């Protein structure tokens, strides 16, 4: 969505790198580039003026002139101001103290209200709630049927006492001659809340009608529904791809319905995304959710700070971690860690589990774009085909259970059978096995400390790779002096005969035997010089012994 804006801002900040001091002309040139980038992204002109004015004021202030790295300080200022115009803080749904919580959806026709109703219901269900959808859009052709299909996919019940417009013709609201009525949406909304109370649903999501453009009848109907059901939240669903028209639409709905939050739909599109940077600033209402795809699970809580980081190509690692926590099973992760430390072979069964977990997280391409600095590799990411996972999975599924756990036993005839069963060539099967063998070696190398370990670092505990402190001691070389060599051999023999007690005694100051033994120093009848050997003394030291 923000590809072009991100590219323009990243290129602008590259011009600041390496400058130890920023002049006023440098700041003015940067502000000019930022202004052009925002206008090209369809950001509303009043928002652009306020944004660039604040950035320029701060960039020429003391916080940049006195900074150790002025260029990085300017990037920090731009990020903070982006967060501010995106809403500042993350806004969560306000649930009623006494259920059910009533959530009303409003917006233009085609903005994605019905699809988002199913996504929001699924998101609430995953958090332990019991939502229900109410079909109050009785004007759009087959809107009730669509909501029922979406609810079935999301696993959410739908309350639809009226079938609405089934004939394929748009309804005309009003009471004049020629008016066609398909039911009363206000009455359906009231009945839906009563039904939810009776069935003990704690959240009611009301899907209302839309129009191709803002008109008086649409606003009046939405206002009547709001007055009748008194919702706790009114979410305005905005198509993020409609450009500058998003601002006028948002302001009209805010005046007519007084929504409490914004939902950005179709955020996975290729539009320039200026609506997201304009609506929160101009209406004063926060962006609460982002709809990022067609699946019922493609919904995200909107975090202004994370979105600003994505725009500036700083990545969104926190969202990536949250998605991974939901997708990966803790028991499977613990088992994989155990295998890793025990240096057990990584099998195709493990590979299949990891692949299924990654697929639960969504598109791999979208996940990679959340990593910092990946915007510069957009062409490579766009060329990546997610269906490659399906081909690999087909090859693994075509293997027998024995072959998945013993990949080295897959011979030529087995490879031909796997290729035929998965619809690929034998060459592709060979390439998969080669890559898998390299992955096994890499994991074993990591478990042992990186195949020799990092410099000065031992391997992992229990991994079978001895660290430096566990390496066998090098044998002491024998002396070339016969007398000294003989003395060394006698000392080694005496140490071996004494055993560990000698070391213990020596550690506490004893010359020979164990502490407290019969031959311990100071014991009755013990000669403290009994084990003394003059040959152990340095050469020429004999003259100091005084004739002993």
Protein backbone atom coordinates (compact mmCIF):
# COMPACT_ATOMS: atom_id res chain seq x y z
CA UNK A 1 0.00 0.00 0.00
CA UNK A 2 2.69 2.52 1.02
CA UNK A 3 5.33 1.30 -1.44
CA UNK A 4 5.79 4.53 -3.40
CA UNK A 5 5.71 6.72 -0.29
CA UNK A 6 8.21 4.48 1.47
CA UNK A 7 10.57 4.53 -1.53
CA UNK A 8 10.45 8.34 -1.77
CA UNK A 9 11.09 8.89 1.94
CA UNK A 10 13.89 6.31 2.05
CA UNK A 11 15.62 7.99 -0.91
CA UNK A 12 15.24 11.39 0.77
CA UNK A 13 16.90 10.24 3.98
CA UNK A 14 19.78 8.65 2.08
CA UNK A 15 20.83 12.13 1.00
CA UNK A 16 21.31 13.11 4.65
CA UNK A 17 23.63 10.26 5.57
CA UNK A 18 27.23 11.07 6.20
CA UNK A 19 26.58 14.72 7.04
CA UNK A 20 27.94 15.69 10.42
CA UNK A 21 26.04 18.97 10.37
CA UNK A 22 22.80 19.97 8.65
CA UNK A 23 22.40 23.45 7.22
CA UNK A 24 19.09 25.21 6.78
CA UNK A 25 19.25 24.54 3.05
CA UNK A 26 19.65 20.79 3.75
CA UNK A 27 16.56 20.85 5.96
CA UNK A 28 14.55 22.84 3.39
CA UNK A 29 15.47 20.40 0.62
CA UNK A 30 14.46 17.45 2.82
CA UNK A 31 11.12 19.07 3.72
CA UNK A 32 10.45 19.79 0.04
CA UNK A 33 11.06 16.12 -0.86
CA UNK A 34 8.80 14.95 1.99
CA UNK A 35 6.04 17.33 0.87
CA UNK A 36 6.18 16.03 -2.71
CA UNK A 37 6.19 12.41 -1.50
CA UNK A 38 3.09 12.97 0.66
CA UNK A 39 1.19 14.79 -2.09
CA UNK A 40 2.01 12.04 -4.58
CA UNK A 41 0.61 9.55 -2.05
CA UNK A 42 -2.77 11.35 -2.06
CA UNK A 43 -2.40 12.74 1.45
CA UNK A 44 -4.80 15.65 2.01
CA UNK A 45 -3.22 19.08 1.54
CA UNK A 46 -4.09 20.40 5.06
CA UNK A 47 -2.45 17.35 6.58
CA UNK A 48 0.66 17.81 4.44
CA UNK A 49 0.99 21.47 5.47
CA UNK A 50 0.67 20.72 9.18
CA UNK A 51 3.01 17.73 8.99
CA UNK A 52 5.82 19.46 7.09
CA UNK A 53 5.47 22.57 9.26
CA UNK A 54 6.02 20.59 12.46
CA UNK A 55 8.92 18.62 10.99
CA UNK A 56 10.64 21.79 9.74
CA UNK A 57 10.21 23.55 13.07
CA UNK A 58 11.72 20.67 14.99
CA UNK A 59 14.45 19.97 12.41
CA UNK A 60 15.76 23.55 12.69
CA UNK A 61 15.64 23.45 16.48
CA UNK A 62 18.21 22.56 19.09
CA UNK A 63 17.35 18.83 19.16
CA UNK A 64 18.94 18.42 15.70
CA UNK A 65 21.72 21.02 15.78
CA UNK A 66 23.11 19.60 19.04
CA UNK A 67 22.63 15.93 18.12
CA UNK A 68 25.59 13.61 17.53
CA UNK A 69 23.98 12.35 14.33
CA UNK A 70 21.68 15.03 12.87
CA UNK A 71 20.48 12.85 9.96
CA UNK A 72 19.21 10.12 12.28
CA UNK A 73 17.59 12.76 14.46
CA UNK A 74 15.61 14.06 11.46
CA UNK A 75 14.42 10.53 10.68
CA UNK A 76 13.34 10.19 14.31
CA UNK A 77 11.37 13.45 14.09
CA UNK A 78 9.62 12.32 10.89
CA UNK A 79 8.71 8.98 12.50
CA UNK A 80 7.27 10.67 15.59
CA UNK A 81 5.18 13.07 13.49
CA UNK A 82 3.95 10.18 11.33
CA UNK A 83 2.82 8.38 14.47
CA UNK A 84 1.01 11.55 15.56
CA UNK A 85 -1.01 11.98 12.34
CA UNK A 86 -1.84 8.25 12.33
CA UNK A 87 -3.53 8.61 15.70
CA UNK A 88 -0.74 8.57 18.26
CA UNK A 89 -1.71 5.54 20.34
CA UNK A 90 -3.33 2.19 19.66
CA UNK A 91 -7.07 2.31 20.34
CA UNK A 92 -8.78 -0.91 21.47
CA UNK A 93 -12.47 -1.78 21.34
CA UNK A 94 -14.41 -0.59 24.37
CA UNK A 95 -16.53 -3.52 25.53
CA UNK A 96 -19.69 -2.98 27.56
CA UNK A 97 -19.62 -3.74 31.28
CA UNK A 98 -23.02 -5.38 30.89
CA UNK A 99 -23.15 -7.46 27.68
CA UNK A 100 -23.91 -7.48 24.88
CA UNK A 101 -21.51 -4.98 23.35
CA UNK A 102 -23.14 -3.48 20.24
CA UNK A 103 -20.87 -2.59 17.30
CA UNK A 104 -22.34 -0.83 14.28
CA UNK A 105 -20.57 -0.81 10.90
CA UNK A 106 -21.09 2.07 8.48
CA UNK A 107 -19.56 3.07 5.14
CA UNK A 108 -20.07 3.29 1.41
CA UNK A 109 -21.17 0.35 -0.71
CA UNK A 110 -18.19 -1.74 -1.79
CA UNK A 111 -15.93 -0.55 1.02
CA UNK A 112 -15.83 -4.03 2.57
CA UNK A 113 -18.28 -3.74 5.50
CA UNK A 114 -19.81 -7.20 5.11
CA UNK A 115 -16.45 -8.92 4.76
CA UNK A 116 -15.07 -7.00 7.72
CA UNK A 117 -18.08 -8.03 9.83
CA UNK A 118 -17.03 -11.66 9.45
CA UNK A 119 -13.37 -10.84 10.14
CA UNK A 120 -14.21 -8.88 13.27
CA UNK A 121 -16.49 -11.69 14.47
CA UNK A 122 -13.73 -14.26 13.95
CA UNK A 123 -11.17 -12.02 15.70
CA UNK A 124 -13.48 -11.63 18.71
CA UNK A 125 -14.24 -15.35 18.76
CA UNK A 126 -10.51 -16.16 18.87
CA UNK A 127 -10.31 -13.93 21.94
CA UNK A 128 -12.97 -15.91 23.78
CA UNK A 129 -16.09 -13.89 22.94
CA UNK A 130 -19.39 -15.18 21.50
CA UNK A 131 -20.30 -12.69 18.73
CA UNK A 132 -23.32 -12.70 16.43
CA UNK A 133 -23.81 -10.87 13.10
CA UNK A 134 -27.01 -8.96 12.34
CA UNK A 135 -28.01 -8.49 8.68
CA UNK A 136 -29.40 -4.94 8.62
CA UNK A 137 -28.37 -4.21 5.01
CA UNK A 138 -31.65 -4.90 3.23
CA UNK A 139 -31.11 -2.63 0.20
CA UNK A 140 -28.06 -4.01 -1.60
CA UNK A 141 -28.88 -7.04 -3.76
CA UNK A 142 -28.15 -10.31 -1.93
CA UNK A 143 -26.36 -8.55 0.92
CA UNK A 144 -28.05 -10.83 3.48
CA UNK A 145 -26.95 -13.94 1.59
CA UNK A 146 -23.37 -12.63 1.41
CA UNK A 147 -23.30 -12.01 5.17
CA UNK A 148 -24.54 -15.55 5.80
CA UNK A 149 -21.75 -16.96 3.61
CA UNK A 150 -19.14 -14.83 5.37
CA UNK A 151 -20.51 -15.83 8.78
CA UNK A 152 -20.36 -19.51 7.86
CA UNK A 153 -16.71 -19.19 6.80
CA UNK A 154 -15.86 -17.38 10.04
CA UNK A 155 -17.87 -19.76 12.19
CA UNK A 156 -20.14 -16.96 13.47
CA UNK A 157 -23.97 -17.21 13.64
CA UNK A 158 -26.00 -14.70 11.60
CA UNK A 159 -29.38 -13.20 12.57
CA UNK A 160 -31.35 -12.52 9.38
CA UNK A 161 -35.15 -12.39 9.83
CA UNK A 162 -35.56 -10.46 6.54
CA UNK A 163 -34.15 -11.64 3.20
CA UNK A 164 -33.82 -8.10 1.86
CA UNK A 165 -33.35 -7.34 -1.83
CA UNK A 166 -33.23 -10.67 -3.64
CA UNK A 167 -34.35 -9.47 -7.07
CA UNK A 168 -31.13 -7.77 -8.11
CA UNK A 169 -32.51 -4.24 -8.15
CA UNK A 170 -31.37 -1.48 -5.81
CA UNK A 171 -34.00 -0.33 -3.35
CA UNK A 172 -35.27 3.25 -3.25
CA UNK A 173 -35.58 4.60 0.26
CA UNK A 174 -38.50 6.82 1.09
CA UNK A 175 -42.30 6.74 1.17
CA UNK A 176 -43.26 8.28 -2.14
CA UNK A 177 -44.87 6.61 -5.14
CA UNK A 178 -42.77 3.84 -6.67
CA UNK A 179 -40.95 3.10 -3.43
CA UNK A 180 -40.00 -0.54 -2.97
CA UNK A 181 -39.49 -1.84 0.58
CA UNK A 182 -37.49 -4.92 1.52
CA UNK A 183 -37.92 -4.69 5.28
CA UNK A 184 -37.17 -2.30 8.09
CA UNK A 185 -33.42 -2.27 9.00
CA UNK A 186 -34.11 -0.39 12.24
CA UNK A 187 -36.51 -3.10 13.43
CA UNK A 188 -34.07 -5.84 12.36
CA UNK A 189 -31.30 -4.18 14.40
CA UNK A 190 -33.50 -4.02 17.52
CA UNK A 191 -34.60 -7.65 17.13
CA UNK A 192 -30.97 -8.68 16.64
CA UNK A 193 -29.97 -7.24 20.03
CA UNK A 194 -32.93 -8.93 21.76
CA UNK A 195 -32.00 -12.22 20.07
CA UNK A 196 -28.38 -11.84 21.23
CA UNK A 197 -29.50 -11.29 24.84
CA UNK A 198 -31.75 -14.34 24.73
CA UNK A 199 -28.95 -16.53 23.27
CA UNK A 200 -26.31 -15.00 25.59
CA UNK A 201 -24.07 -13.56 22.87
CA UNK A 202 -21.74 -10.96 24.39
CA UNK A 203 -21.03 -9.01 21.14
CA UNK A 204 -23.49 -7.91 18.42
CA UNK A 205 -22.09 -6.72 15.07
CA UNK A 206 -24.67 -4.85 12.96
CA UNK A 207 -23.97 -4.70 9.22
CA UNK A 208 -25.78 -1.64 7.75
CA UNK A 209 -26.49 -0.53 4.18
CA UNK A 210 -24.24 1.62 2.03
CA UNK A 211 -24.50 3.62 -1.18
CA UNK A 212 -22.22 4.28 -4.11
CA UNK A 213 -21.98 7.89 -2.92
CA UNK A 214 -22.91 9.88 0.16
CA UNK A 215 -26.59 10.94 0.09
CA UNK A 216 -29.25 12.17 2.50
CA UNK A 217 -31.24 8.91 2.59
CA UNK A 218 -28.15 6.88 3.49
CA UNK A 219 -27.20 9.18 6.35
CA UNK A 220 -30.75 9.29 7.67
CA UNK A 221 -31.05 5.51 7.76
CA UNK A 222 -27.67 5.13 9.50
CA UNK A 223 -28.62 7.83 12.02
CA UNK A 224 -31.97 6.10 12.71
CA UNK A 225 -30.25 2.75 13.35
CA UNK A 226 -27.74 4.40 15.68
CA UNK A 227 -30.49 6.14 17.66
CA UNK A 228 -32.48 2.88 17.92
CA UNK A 229 -29.73 0.54 19.14
CA UNK A 230 -27.39 3.02 20.90
CA UNK A 231 -24.17 1.17 19.93
CA UNK A 232 -21.04 1.19 22.08
CA UNK A 233 -18.83 1.49 18.99
CA UNK A 234 -19.60 2.85 15.51
CA UNK A 235 -16.85 1.79 13.07
CA UNK A 236 -16.54 3.59 9.74
CA UNK A 237 -15.18 1.16 7.13
CA UNK A 238 -13.09 3.13 4.61
CA UNK A 239 -11.72 1.82 1.35
CA UNK A 240 -8.03 2.75 1.49
CA UNK A 241 -7.82 2.80 -2.30
CA UNK A 242 -10.20 5.71 -3.07
CA UNK A 243 -7.56 8.42 -2.67
CA UNK A 244 -8.52 12.03 -1.96
CA UNK A 245 -12.26 11.18 -1.91
CA UNK A 246 -11.64 9.33 1.35
CA UNK A 247 -11.33 12.61 3.24
CA UNK A 248 -14.68 14.00 2.08
CA UNK A 249 -16.43 10.67 2.70
CA UNK A 250 -15.00 10.36 6.20
CA UNK A 251 -15.99 13.89 7.14
CA UNK A 252 -19.55 13.37 5.83
CA UNK A 253 -20.02 10.16 7.84
CA UNK A 254 -18.51 11.76 10.92
CA UNK A 255 -21.02 14.57 10.77
CA UNK A 256 -23.97 12.29 9.95
CA UNK A 257 -23.30 9.23 12.11
CA UNK A 258 -20.58 10.38 14.54
CA UNK A 259 -18.44 7.24 14.25
CA UNK A 260 -15.99 6.36 17.05
CA UNK A 261 -13.31 4.59 15.03
CA UNK A 262 -12.06 3.91 11.50
CA UNK A 263 -11.36 0.62 9.73
CA UNK A 264 -9.03 0.69 6.71
CA UNK A 265 -10.00 -2.01 4.23
CA UNK A 266 -8.05 -3.27 1.20
CA UNK A 267 -4.77 -2.25 2.78
CA UNK A 268 -3.07 -4.99 0.77
CA UNK A 269 -3.82 -3.16 -2.50
CA UNK A 270 -1.41 -1.20 -4.64
CA UNK A 271 -2.94 2.25 -4.09
CA UNK A 272 -0.85 5.06 -2.64
CA UNK A 273 -2.45 4.99 0.81
CA UNK A 274 -2.93 8.68 1.48
CA UNK A 275 -6.34 8.01 3.09
CA UNK A 276 -4.68 6.36 6.06
CA UNK A 277 -2.50 9.41 6.64
CA UNK A 278 -5.42 11.84 6.36
CA UNK A 279 -8.54 10.44 7.98
CA UNK A 280 -7.35 10.26 11.59
CA UNK A 281 -5.88 13.77 11.49
CA UNK A 282 -8.93 15.43 9.90
CA UNK A 283 -11.72 13.63 11.78
CA UNK A 284 -10.00 13.27 15.14
CA UNK A 285 -11.11 9.63 15.38
CA UNK A 286 -8.52 6.84 15.58
CA UNK A 287 -7.87 4.08 13.07
CA UNK A 288 -8.65 0.89 14.97
CA UNK A 289 -8.37 -1.99 12.49
CA UNK A 290 -6.79 -2.78 9.14
CA UNK A 291 -8.19 -5.34 6.72
CA UNK A 292 -5.33 -6.85 4.74
CA UNK A 293 -6.81 -9.60 2.55
CA UNK A 294 -9.79 -11.73 1.59
CA UNK A 295 -9.48 -14.43 4.28
CA UNK A 296 -11.48 -14.13 7.50
CA UNK A 297 -8.21 -14.10 9.43
CA UNK A 298 -6.74 -11.16 7.47
CA UNK A 299 -7.37 -8.53 10.12
CA UNK A 300 -4.92 -6.53 12.21
CA UNK A 301 -5.23 -4.13 15.10
CA UNK A 302 -3.91 -0.81 13.78
CA UNK A 303 -0.79 0.33 15.65
CA UNK A 304 0.27 3.87 14.56
CA UNK A 305 3.88 3.39 15.64
CA UNK A 306 4.24 0.11 13.75
CA UNK A 307 2.64 1.53 10.61
CA UNK A 308 5.00 4.51 10.72
CA UNK A 309 7.93 2.10 10.96
CA UNK A 310 6.66 0.20 7.91
CA UNK A 311 6.38 3.42 5.91
CA UNK A 312 9.95 4.39 6.80
CA UNK A 313 11.24 0.87 5.95
CA UNK A 314 12.08 0.12 9.59
CA UNK A 315 10.04 -3.07 9.57
CA UNK A 316 7.32 -4.33 11.89
CA UNK A 317 8.95 -7.09 13.90
CA UNK A 318 6.42 -6.91 16.76
CA UNK A 319 3.50 -7.78 14.50
CA UNK A 320 5.58 -10.58 12.98
CA UNK A 321 6.26 -12.00 16.46
CA UNK A 322 2.57 -11.81 17.39
CA UNK A 323 1.60 -13.70 14.25
CA UNK A 324 4.23 -16.34 14.96
CA UNK A 325 2.99 -16.81 18.53
CA UNK A 326 -0.52 -17.48 17.25
CA UNK A 327 0.60 -19.84 14.47
CA UNK A 328 3.23 -21.97 16.23
CA UNK A 329 2.19 -24.64 18.73
CA UNK A 330 4.14 -24.44 21.99
CA UNK A 331 4.41 -28.22 22.35
CA UNK A 332 5.77 -28.57 18.82
CA UNK A 333 8.23 -25.72 19.42
CA UNK A 334 9.49 -27.36 22.65
CA UNK A 335 9.87 -30.69 20.87
CA UNK A 336 11.84 -29.03 18.07
CA UNK A 337 14.12 -27.35 20.62
CA UNK A 338 14.73 -30.69 22.31
CA UNK A 339 15.65 -32.31 19.01
CA UNK A 340 17.92 -29.41 18.20
CA UNK A 341 19.88 -29.71 21.46
CA UNK A 342 19.99 -33.50 21.28
CA UNK A 343 21.38 -33.31 17.71
CA UNK A 344 18.60 -35.54 16.41
CA UNK A 345 18.07 -35.54 12.67
CA UNK A 346 15.66 -32.93 11.32
CA UNK A 347 13.14 -34.99 9.33
CA UNK A 348 10.62 -34.21 6.62
CA UNK A 349 7.88 -34.70 9.25
CA UNK A 350 9.37 -31.78 11.21
CA UNK A 351 9.71 -29.80 7.99
CA UNK A 352 6.02 -30.38 7.21
CA UNK A 353 4.99 -29.12 10.67
CA UNK A 354 7.08 -25.97 10.29
CA UNK A 355 5.68 -25.32 6.81
CA UNK A 356 2.08 -25.64 8.02
CA UNK A 357 2.79 -23.18 10.85
CA UNK A 358 4.27 -20.66 8.41
CA UNK A 359 1.23 -21.01 6.12
CA UNK A 360 -1.02 -20.22 9.09
CA UNK A 361 0.79 -16.89 9.48
CA UNK A 362 -0.29 -15.87 5.98
CA UNK A 363 1.66 -14.90 2.91
CA UNK A 364 5.41 -15.40 3.24
CA UNK A 365 5.88 -12.43 0.94
CA UNK A 366 3.91 -10.20 3.33
CA UNK A 367 5.90 -11.49 6.31
CA UNK A 368 9.23 -10.77 4.65
CA UNK A 369 8.11 -7.21 3.92
CA UNK A 370 7.75 -6.69 7.70
CA UNK A 371 11.50 -7.17 8.15
CA UNK A 372 13.62 -3.99 8.39
CA UNK A 373 15.23 -2.87 5.14
CA UNK A 374 13.24 -5.23 2.92
CA UNK A 375 11.63 -2.43 0.89
CA UNK A 376 14.84 -2.19 -1.12
CA UNK A 377 14.33 -5.82 -2.21
CA UNK A 378 10.74 -5.32 -3.37
CA UNK A 379 11.41 -6.58 -6.90
CA UNK A 380 12.88 -9.82 -5.60
CA UNK A 381 9.98 -10.24 -3.15
CA UNK A 382 7.39 -9.57 -5.83
CA UNK A 383 9.06 -12.18 -8.04
CA UNK A 384 8.83 -14.76 -5.27
CA UNK A 385 6.03 -17.29 -5.83
CA UNK A 386 4.21 -18.44 -2.70
CA UNK A 387 3.04 -21.49 -4.64
CA UNK A 388 6.57 -22.90 -4.33
CA UNK A 389 5.50 -23.98 -0.84
CA UNK A 390 2.64 -25.96 -2.36
CA UNK A 391 5.00 -27.80 -4.73
CA UNK A 392 7.38 -28.66 -1.89
CA UNK A 393 4.49 -29.80 0.30
CA UNK A 394 3.19 -32.00 -2.53
CA UNK A 395 6.60 -33.71 -2.81
CA UNK A 396 6.78 -34.34 0.94
CA UNK A 397 3.19 -35.62 1.02
CA UNK A 398 4.07 -38.07 -1.77
CA UNK A 399 6.71 -39.70 0.44
CA UNK A 400 5.99 -42.67 2.68
CA UNK A 401 6.34 -42.28 6.44
CA UNK A 402 9.60 -44.23 6.30
CA UNK A 403 10.99 -41.94 3.59
CA UNK A 404 10.10 -38.80 5.55
CA UNK A 405 12.11 -39.99 8.54
CA UNK A 406 14.91 -41.62 6.50
CA UNK A 407 15.59 -39.26 3.57
CA UNK A 408 18.99 -40.84 2.90
CA UNK A 409 17.24 -44.08 1.93
CA UNK A 410 15.37 -42.42 -0.95
CA UNK A 411 16.95 -44.06 -4.01
CA UNK A 412 16.34 -43.52 -7.71
CA UNK A 413 13.12 -45.54 -7.99
CA UNK A 414 11.67 -43.87 -4.90
CA UNK A 415 12.51 -40.43 -6.31
CA UNK A 416 10.78 -41.28 -9.58
CA UNK A 417 7.66 -42.38 -7.67
CA UNK A 418 7.67 -39.19 -5.55
CA UNK A 419 8.03 -37.03 -8.66
CA UNK A 420 5.16 -38.81 -10.39
CA UNK A 421 2.94 -38.57 -7.31
CA UNK A 422 3.52 -34.82 -6.83
CA UNK A 423 3.43 -33.80 -10.49
CA UNK A 424 7.04 -32.54 -10.62
CA UNK A 425 10.23 -33.70 -12.28
CA UNK A 426 12.84 -35.99 -10.75
CA UNK A 427 15.27 -33.06 -10.92
CA UNK A 428 13.07 -31.02 -8.58
CA UNK A 429 12.94 -33.94 -6.13
CA UNK A 430 16.73 -34.22 -6.29
CA UNK A 431 17.09 -30.49 -5.61
CA UNK A 432 14.74 -30.75 -2.61
CA UNK A 433 16.74 -33.61 -1.11
CA UNK A 434 20.04 -31.77 -1.63
CA UNK A 435 18.69 -28.61 0.04
CA UNK A 436 17.21 -30.67 2.85
CA UNK A 437 20.54 -32.41 3.47
CA UNK A 438 22.27 -29.04 3.68
CA UNK A 439 19.63 -27.84 6.15
CA UNK A 440 20.25 -30.90 8.34
CA UNK A 441 24.00 -30.23 8.37
CA UNK A 442 23.45 -26.57 9.20
CA UNK A 443 21.19 -27.38 12.15
CA UNK A 444 23.67 -29.89 13.55
CA UNK A 445 26.46 -27.36 13.12
CA UNK A 446 24.45 -24.76 15.02
CA UNK A 447 23.71 -27.23 17.83
CA UNK A 448 27.42 -27.97 18.19
CA UNK A 449 28.29 -24.33 18.42
CA UNK A 450 28.49 -23.41 14.75
CA UNK A 451 30.79 -26.15 13.44
CA UNK A 452 33.77 -25.33 15.63
CA UNK A 453 31.91 -22.61 17.50
CA UNK A 454 32.43 -18.92 17.67
CA UNK A 455 35.94 -17.77 18.53
CA UNK A 456 36.42 -18.21 22.26
CA UNK A 457 32.92 -19.64 22.76
CA UNK A 458 32.18 -23.26 23.71
CA UNK A 459 29.39 -25.30 22.12
CA UNK A 460 25.90 -25.59 23.56
CA UNK A 461 25.61 -27.50 26.88
CA UNK A 462 25.12 -31.19 26.30
CA UNK A 463 25.71 -30.89 22.58
CA UNK A 464 28.73 -33.19 22.50
CA UNK A 465 31.16 -30.46 21.39
CA UNK A 466 33.79 -29.69 23.97
CA UNK A 467 34.62 -26.11 24.69
CA UNK A 468 38.11 -24.77 25.20
CA UNK A 469 38.01 -25.49 28.95
CA UNK A 470 37.14 -29.14 28.23
CA UNK A 471 39.94 -29.78 25.73
CA UNK A 472 42.54 -32.38 26.84
CA UNK A 473 45.65 -30.86 28.37
CA UNK A 474 48.79 -31.02 26.28
CA UNK A 475 51.43 -33.32 27.77
CA UNK A 476 54.41 -31.61 29.34
CA UNK A 477 57.56 -32.09 27.30
CA UNK A 478 60.42 -33.99 28.92
CA UNK A 479 63.45 -32.07 30.04
CA UNK A 480 66.78 -32.52 28.25
CA UNK A 481 68.61 -32.63 31.62
CA UNK A 482 68.83 -36.32 32.74
CA UNK A 483 68.84 -35.42 36.45
CA UNK A 484 65.80 -33.12 36.10
CA UNK A 485 63.95 -35.64 33.93
CA UNK A 486 64.47 -38.36 36.54
CA UNK A 487 63.24 -35.99 39.26
CA UNK A 488 60.12 -35.17 37.19
CA UNK A 489 59.35 -38.87 36.70
CA UNK A 490 59.70 -39.56 40.47
CA UNK A 491 57.42 -36.61 41.28
CA UNK A 492 54.80 -37.81 38.77
CA UNK A 493 54.90 -41.34 40.17
CA UNK A 494 54.52 -40.04 43.73
CA UNK A 495 51.56 -37.85 42.69
CA UNK A 496 49.85 -40.79 40.97
CA UNK A 497 50.35 -43.01 44.03
CA UNK A 498 49.02 -40.37 46.41
CA UNK A 499 45.77 -39.91 44.38
CA UNK A 500 43.29 -37.13 44.96
CA UNK A 501 44.20 -36.83 48.64
CA UNK A 502 47.54 -35.41 47.67
CA UNK A 503 45.90 -32.60 45.79
CA UNK A 504 43.51 -31.97 48.66
CA UNK A 505 46.33 -31.91 51.17
CA UNK A 506 48.43 -29.68 48.96
CA UNK A 507 45.54 -27.34 48.60
CA UNK A 508 45.45 -26.88 52.36
CA UNK A 509 49.19 -26.45 52.75
CA UNK A 510 50.32 -30.06 53.29
CA UNK A 511 53.52 -31.32 51.68
CA UNK A 512 52.59 -34.94 51.23
CA UNK A 513 49.65 -37.29 52.34
CA UNK A 514 46.07 -36.46 53.20
CA UNK A 515 45.20 -33.92 55.79
CA UNK A 516 44.97 -35.46 59.21
CA UNK A 517 46.61 -38.75 58.08
CA UNK A 518 49.39 -40.61 59.89
CA UNK A 519 52.03 -38.89 57.84
CA UNK A 520 50.44 -35.46 57.95
CA UNK A 521 52.72 -32.62 58.98
CA UNK A 522 52.70 -32.21 62.74
CA UNK A 523 51.46 -35.77 63.39
CA UNK A 524 53.37 -37.80 66.00
CA UNK A 525 56.44 -39.44 64.55
CA UNK A 526 56.12 -37.64 61.20
CA UNK A 527 59.18 -36.15 59.56
CA UNK A 528 58.16 -33.01 57.68
CA UNK A 529 61.19 -33.34 55.38
CA UNK A 530 60.76 -37.05 54.66
CA UNK A 531 59.62 -36.49 51.06
CA UNK A 532 62.10 -33.73 50.36
CA UNK A 533 64.23 -34.33 47.24
CA UNK A 534 67.09 -31.88 46.56
CA UNK A 535 66.98 -32.82 42.87
CA UNK A 536 63.72 -30.85 42.58
CA UNK A 537 65.47 -27.60 43.55
CA UNK A 538 66.86 -25.20 40.95
CA UNK A 539 70.45 -25.69 39.99
CA UNK A 540 72.88 -23.96 42.37
CA UNK A 541 70.38 -23.78 45.25
CA UNK A 542 72.14 -26.60 47.20
CA UNK A 543 74.56 -24.20 48.89
CA UNK A 544 71.70 -22.63 50.84
CA UNK A 545 70.68 -25.92 52.49
CA UNK A 546 73.42 -25.78 55.10
CA UNK A 547 74.68 -29.35 54.73
CA UNK A 548 71.38 -31.26 55.03
